Every structure is written in C-alpha cells, then in structure tokens.
C-alpha cells in the first residue's frame, strides 16, 4: 500500500456534533452578553440571546423588535463590548 492509503485508514472522522454550540449559546444567554449576528445575506443584528433551541435563537434588542433567527441563516456571531 502507498503512504496515502495507509494514512487515510488511520485517521478518524471528526464527530458531527460536539455539543459545544449549546454550551456557548447557554453561556451567552446566561451572561446576557451583547452579540452581533451576521446572517448569510450579510445583514447584521445586535442584541442579547434570550432563548435558543435546535432551530433558532431569539435575539432581544433594546431599540428594535425582538427577532427569531433560524440557525441555518446565521453565518457567524460574536460578542461585542457593551
């Protein structure tokens, strides 16, 4: 066997889920951290996560209506300074 075939058999596949997403969202919700959510269409919204489940997050905003954002529409999110 060649070296490439040997290496491919010894590598293990990464798990589909690590459950760290749930832990991180729980942390953000409990600490009431301000976050910015960037959607796949490049729109951005800032607020706090009030609730989340396997499909969406509820983003609470001070000066605008609250939003339910589907997770499959989120490109990424990050914490922002207050």
Protein backbone atom coordinates (compact mmCIF):
# COMPACT_ATOMS: atom_id res chain seq x y z
CA UNK A 1 0.00 0.00 0.00
CA UNK A 2 1.10 3.53 -0.63
CA UNK A 3 1.59 6.08 2.15
CA UNK A 4 -1.64 7.91 1.25
CA UNK A 5 -3.72 4.75 1.64
CA UNK A 6 -2.10 3.96 4.99
CA UNK A 7 -2.74 7.48 6.33
CA UNK A 8 -6.41 7.54 5.30
CA UNK A 9 -7.14 4.33 7.22
CA UNK A 10 -5.51 5.59 10.42
CA UNK A 11 -7.40 8.91 10.56
CA UNK A 12 -10.65 9.06 12.47
CA UNK A 13 -13.60 11.10 11.32
CA UNK A 14 -14.49 14.18 13.34
CA UNK A 15 -17.79 13.94 15.21
CA UNK A 16 -20.81 15.55 13.56
CA UNK A 17 -21.62 17.41 16.77
CA UNK A 18 -19.51 18.25 19.80
CA UNK A 19 -22.37 19.90 21.74
CA UNK A 20 -20.15 22.94 22.28
CA UNK A 21 -22.61 25.12 20.34
CA UNK A 22 -25.23 24.52 23.02
CA UNK A 23 -22.77 25.28 25.82
CA UNK A 24 -21.64 28.50 24.14
CA UNK A 25 -25.20 29.71 23.47
CA UNK A 26 -26.17 28.86 27.05
CA UNK A 27 -23.19 30.88 28.30
CA UNK A 28 -24.16 33.86 26.12
CA UNK A 29 -27.78 33.72 27.28
CA UNK A 30 -26.97 33.36 30.99
CA UNK A 31 -24.34 36.10 30.98
CA UNK A 32 -26.61 38.40 28.92
CA UNK A 33 -23.66 39.18 26.64
CA UNK A 34 -24.18 41.61 23.78
CA UNK A 35 -23.64 39.83 20.49
CA UNK A 36 -23.75 40.64 16.81
CA UNK A 37 -25.24 38.06 14.49
CA UNK A 38 -24.19 38.14 10.83
CA UNK A 39 -26.58 36.36 8.51
CA UNK A 40 -25.73 34.55 5.30
CA UNK A 41 -27.18 37.51 3.34
CA UNK A 42 -24.70 39.80 5.22
CA UNK A 43 -27.35 41.55 7.34
CA UNK A 44 -26.20 42.17 10.93
CA UNK A 45 -28.23 42.44 14.13
CA UNK A 46 -27.02 43.23 17.64
CA UNK A 47 -28.70 42.24 20.88
CA UNK A 48 -28.77 39.54 23.54
CA UNK A 49 -29.77 35.91 23.27
CA UNK A 50 -32.89 35.42 25.36
CA UNK A 51 -33.76 31.90 24.20
CA UNK A 52 -32.49 29.26 21.80
CA UNK A 53 -33.27 25.74 20.71
CA UNK A 54 -32.05 23.40 17.99
CA UNK A 55 -33.53 25.52 15.18
CA UNK A 56 -33.35 29.19 16.13
CA UNK A 57 -32.22 31.88 18.57
CA UNK A 58 -34.34 34.70 19.96
CA UNK A 59 -32.37 37.94 19.81
CA UNK A 60 -33.63 40.62 22.20
CA UNK A 61 -32.83 44.16 21.10
CA UNK A 62 -33.19 47.35 23.15
CA UNK A 63 -34.31 49.82 20.47
CA UNK A 64 -35.92 47.48 17.96
CA UNK A 65 -38.28 44.50 17.83
CA UNK A 66 -37.01 41.15 19.07
CA UNK A 67 -36.08 38.64 16.38
CA UNK A 68 -36.34 34.91 15.96
CA UNK A 69 -33.39 33.93 13.74
CA UNK A 70 -33.09 30.48 12.25
CA UNK A 71 -29.66 28.96 12.85
CA UNK A 72 -29.33 27.86 9.23
CA UNK A 73 -29.43 31.58 8.26
CA UNK A 74 -26.55 32.53 10.60
CA UNK A 75 -23.13 32.91 9.04
CA UNK A 76 -21.49 33.64 12.40
CA UNK A 77 -21.96 35.51 15.66
CA UNK A 78 -19.59 37.23 18.03
CA UNK A 79 -19.58 39.04 21.36
CA UNK A 80 -19.36 42.83 21.35
CA UNK A 81 -18.43 45.31 24.06
CA UNK A 82 -21.35 46.95 25.87
